[in-house]
Each structure stands twice: as structure tokens, then as C-alpha cells.
């Protein structure tokens, strides 16, 4: 939840339509048995990032909404999405 999560999802939805690819979101805060502190601690250990959104495209960690926007502005996001689809 929150404005940064919504912004990231909206950008990825727009990109998915443009690229004709399916984008899947995993909202960890909506998982059954959600224990925020355990998941956030694990994510921080893996990514160095404590806050949400904590975005992965394929198996590559992007960062948060700001980093997602930066990659989009640099023209890198489209290639990341297309490459992730080929990895599956």
C-alpha cells in the first residue's frame, strides 16, 4: 500500500501494455501469515533496502520506486522487462 507502491505498479502496468508482456506483482504484505518484521529483515539482508516497494524484475533487484523511475528515464526498464520474460 501507499503512493510509492501505486506509482510503481502503474508504471509497470503501462509498460506491460506497451510491450505486450504480463507483469506479475507479489504483495508480500497481503500474504497469509504475513509477519512484516521477518520479511522486511530478510529483504534488507538480501537487498540492503528496508522500505517498500522493494522491486525485482525477474531475478534482478531494482530498488524502490525512485530507482524504477530512474531506470525508466534512462531507457533501461523496457530491456529489463523483456529480458526477464525471456528468462522464464
C-alpha atoms as a PDB file:
ATOM      1  CA  UNK A   1       0.000   0.000   0.000  1.00  0.00           C
ATOM      2  CA  UNK A   2       0.965   3.632  -0.266  1.00  0.00           C
ATOM      3  CA  UNK A   3       1.614   6.130  -3.053  1.00  0.00           C
ATOM      4  CA  UNK A   4       5.045   4.773  -3.998  1.00  0.00           C
ATOM      5  CA  UNK A   5       3.695   1.252  -4.394  1.00  0.00           C
ATOM      6  CA  UNK A   6       0.796   2.519  -6.521  1.00  0.00           C
ATOM      7  CA  UNK A   7       3.129   4.592  -8.722  1.00  0.00           C
ATOM      8  CA  UNK A   8       5.471   1.664  -9.307  1.00  0.00           C
ATOM      9  CA  UNK A   9       2.603  -0.674 -10.174  1.00  0.00           C
ATOM     10  CA  UNK A  10       1.048   1.859 -12.534  1.00  0.00           C
ATOM     11  CA  UNK A  11       4.329   2.350 -14.411  1.00  0.00           C
ATOM     12  CA  UNK A  12       4.832  -1.408 -14.704  1.00  0.00           C
ATOM     13  CA  UNK A  13       1.233  -1.898 -15.882  1.00  0.00           C
ATOM     14  CA  UNK A  14       1.705   0.768 -18.574  1.00  0.00           C
ATOM     15  CA  UNK A  15       4.977  -0.840 -19.649  1.00  0.00           C
ATOM     16  CA  UNK A  16       3.343  -4.274 -19.794  1.00  0.00           C
ATOM     17  CA  UNK A  17       0.669  -2.962 -22.160  1.00  0.00           C
ATOM     18  CA  UNK A  18       3.239  -1.206 -24.331  1.00  0.00           C
ATOM     19  CA  UNK A  19       5.452  -4.291 -24.504  1.00  0.00           C
ATOM     20  CA  UNK A  20       2.591  -6.819 -24.618  1.00  0.00           C
ATOM     21  CA  UNK A  21       4.002  -8.735 -21.662  1.00  0.00           C
ATOM     22  CA  UNK A  22       2.378  -9.894 -18.476  1.00  0.00           C
ATOM     23  CA  UNK A  23       3.601  -8.300 -15.258  1.00  0.00           C
ATOM     24  CA  UNK A  24       3.004 -10.139 -12.008  1.00  0.00           C
ATOM     25  CA  UNK A  25       3.026  -8.442  -8.621  1.00  0.00           C
ATOM     26  CA  UNK A  26       3.710 -10.185  -5.346  1.00  0.00           C
ATOM     27  CA  UNK A  27       2.357  -8.111  -2.500  1.00  0.00           C
ATOM     28  CA  UNK A  28       4.149  -9.639   0.462  1.00  0.00           C
ATOM     29  CA  UNK A  29       2.069  -7.643   2.928  1.00  0.00           C
ATOM     30  CA  UNK A  30      -1.019  -9.477   1.664  1.00  0.00           C
ATOM     31  CA  UNK A  31       0.393 -12.999   2.013  1.00  0.00           C
ATOM     32  CA  UNK A  32      -1.268 -15.339   4.506  1.00  0.00           C
ATOM     33  CA  UNK A  33       0.644 -15.379   7.769  1.00  0.00           C
ATOM     34  CA  UNK A  34       2.272 -12.009   6.974  1.00  0.00           C
ATOM     35  CA  UNK A  35       4.935 -11.176   9.517  1.00  0.00           C
ATOM     36  CA  UNK A  36       6.257  -7.820   8.419  1.00  0.00           C
ATOM     37  CA  UNK A  37       9.332  -7.735  10.591  1.00  0.00           C
ATOM     38  CA  UNK A  38      10.603 -11.135   9.420  1.00  0.00           C
ATOM     39  CA  UNK A  39      10.066 -10.434   5.729  1.00  0.00           C
ATOM     40  CA  UNK A  40      11.473  -6.926   5.892  1.00  0.00           C
ATOM     41  CA  UNK A  41      14.544  -8.123   7.794  1.00  0.00           C
ATOM     42  CA  UNK A  42      15.156 -10.822   5.185  1.00  0.00           C
ATOM     43  CA  UNK A  43      14.691  -8.356   2.325  1.00  0.00           C
ATOM     44  CA  UNK A  44      17.110  -5.956   3.964  1.00  0.00           C
ATOM     45  CA  UNK A  45      19.672  -8.751   4.298  1.00  0.00           C
ATOM     46  CA  UNK A  46      19.262  -9.681   0.621  1.00  0.00           C
ATOM     47  CA  UNK A  47      18.855  -6.223  -0.928  1.00  0.00           C
ATOM     48  CA  UNK A  48      20.165  -3.713   1.608  1.00  0.00           C
ATOM     49  CA  UNK A  49      16.771  -1.997   1.359  1.00  0.00           C
ATOM     50  CA  UNK A  50      14.310  -1.815   4.244  1.00  0.00           C
ATOM     51  CA  UNK A  51      11.448   0.103   2.643  1.00  0.00           C
ATOM     52  CA  UNK A  52       8.670  -0.831   0.235  1.00  0.00           C
ATOM     53  CA  UNK A  53       8.225  -1.050  -2.632  1.00  0.00           C
ATOM     54  CA  UNK A  54      11.166  -3.390  -2.959  1.00  0.00           C
ATOM     55  CA  UNK A  55      11.104  -4.135  -6.667  1.00  0.00           C
ATOM     56  CA  UNK A  56      12.552  -7.087  -8.522  1.00  0.00           C
ATOM     57  CA  UNK A  57      12.269  -7.573 -12.261  1.00  0.00           C
ATOM     58  CA  UNK A  58      12.915 -11.203 -12.965  1.00  0.00           C
ATOM     59  CA  UNK A  59      15.643 -12.125 -10.515  1.00  0.00           C
ATOM     60  CA  UNK A  60      17.280  -8.693 -10.579  1.00  0.00           C
ATOM     61  CA  UNK A  61      16.752  -6.263  -7.719  1.00  0.00           C
ATOM     62  CA  UNK A  62      15.844  -2.799  -8.986  1.00  0.00           C
ATOM     63  CA  UNK A  63      15.326  -0.950  -5.714  1.00  0.00           C
ATOM     64  CA  UNK A  64      12.361   1.215  -4.851  1.00  0.00           C
ATOM     65  CA  UNK A  65      10.039   3.462  -6.822  1.00  0.00           C
ATOM     66  CA  UNK A  66      12.738   6.127  -7.308  1.00  0.00           C
ATOM     67  CA  UNK A  67      15.158   3.605  -8.833  1.00  0.00           C
ATOM     68  CA  UNK A  68      12.383   2.212 -11.040  1.00  0.00           C
ATOM     69  CA  UNK A  69      11.648   5.727 -12.313  1.00  0.00           C
ATOM     70  CA  UNK A  70      15.363   6.333 -12.919  1.00  0.00           C
ATOM     71  CA  UNK A  71      15.709   3.167 -14.980  1.00  0.00           C
ATOM     72  CA  UNK A  72      12.634   4.152 -16.966  1.00  0.00           C
ATOM     73  CA  UNK A  73      14.016   7.658 -17.609  1.00  0.00           C
ATOM     74  CA  UNK A  74      17.319   6.153 -18.774  1.00  0.00           C
ATOM     75  CA  UNK A  75      15.503   3.795 -21.150  1.00  0.00           C
ATOM     76  CA  UNK A  76      16.664   0.689 -19.270  1.00  0.00           C
ATOM     77  CA  UNK A  77      13.324  -0.520 -17.935  1.00  0.00           C
ATOM     78  CA  UNK A  78      11.962  -1.854 -21.218  1.00  0.00           C
ATOM     79  CA  UNK A  79      15.026  -4.064 -21.759  1.00  0.00           C
ATOM     80  CA  UNK A  80      14.901  -5.302 -18.157  1.00  0.00           C
ATOM     81  CA  UNK A  81      11.263  -6.341 -18.556  1.00  0.00           C
ATOM     82  CA  UNK A  82      11.851  -8.028 -21.908  1.00  0.00           C
ATOM     83  CA  UNK A  83      14.939  -9.863 -20.592  1.00  0.00           C
ATOM     84  CA  UNK A  84      13.074 -11.055 -17.515  1.00  0.00           C
ATOM     85  CA  UNK A  85      10.351 -12.527 -19.725  1.00  0.00           C
ATOM     86  CA  UNK A  86      12.950 -14.474 -21.702  1.00  0.00           C
ATOM     87  CA  UNK A  87      14.482 -15.904 -18.514  1.00  0.00           C
ATOM     88  CA  UNK A  88      11.236 -17.654 -17.570  1.00  0.00           C
END
